[in-house]
Amino acid sequence: MCFAAAAVFVALTLLQWRHLPPRAGAAAGSGAVLADWREAISNRAFLSFTVTMFAYYALSYQIYLGLPLEVRRLTGSETGVPVLYVISALLGIFAQLHVTAWCERRWQPAQAMSIGLTLMGLSFALLIPAGHLSGLAGLVPVILCVTVLTFGTLMVFPFEMATIARLAGSRLIGTYYGLYNLLSGLGILIGNLLIGFSLDVAEGTGPRDLPWLFLVLAGLTSAYGMRTLHRTGRLTDLTHARPAMRTS
């Protein structure tokens, strides 16, 4: 499956390289892309924001790793896993606009993201009781975790996208988004490796709550980092950033 997905991306890369029209204007040239990347990498506020958001992706991607494994442990099968995706998708479709508008009325972007990250981290504390349960009863904490996790994601995502655009200074926005996604993938890789390791330890002789406690700590640490960025003024100019709407 991994190789098949990678092959699709390789094919898309080749098609775009072959068929997209050449760039025109002052930015064209073989060194332009590298110069754009150097500019983005030298933006300390952008890099600080990106590193702070590592935990956001590590947490949100547990709906594809840690939570399905917990469902299998509780029920002995993956039958209940699609329910998690349905809950997350329906909340995204019907609640995103309302959650974003509600946050806009009350908080600045960094504050909304900090609260959302806190919710995402604390959502995994709801799984601690599931470690002492089995069967369908254990699915209740998992469903609650997905619900709170999704609401936290809805609070963060629009302001995250708007923040990247503002940090780019309304220029090289595509470059900033591309670099951000690349570095976010690194965050996902590190997070999944650590969570996978802690799940293996918990399945052996370690405490069953270890993975969830780690995720709670990661979410709270990221939320504190976001508050620090806001308090130190690195994101001050983003106070009136217009959030983007979630599209997936």
Foldseek 3Di string as FASTA:
>chain_A
DVVVVVVVVVVVVVCCVPPPDADDDPQHDPCSLVVLLVVLVPLVLLVLLLVLCLLLLLLVCCLVPVLQVLVCQQAVDSVCSVVLVVLLVVCQVPPLVVLQVVCLVPAFLLLLLLVLLLQSLCLLVLLVVLVVHHYPVSCVSSSSSSNSNSSSCSSNQQSVLLLQCVSCVVPCSVVSVVVSVVSSVVSNVVSVVVLVVQCVVCVPPDPVSVSSNVSSVSSNSSSVSSVVCVVVPSCVVRRPRDTDRDDD
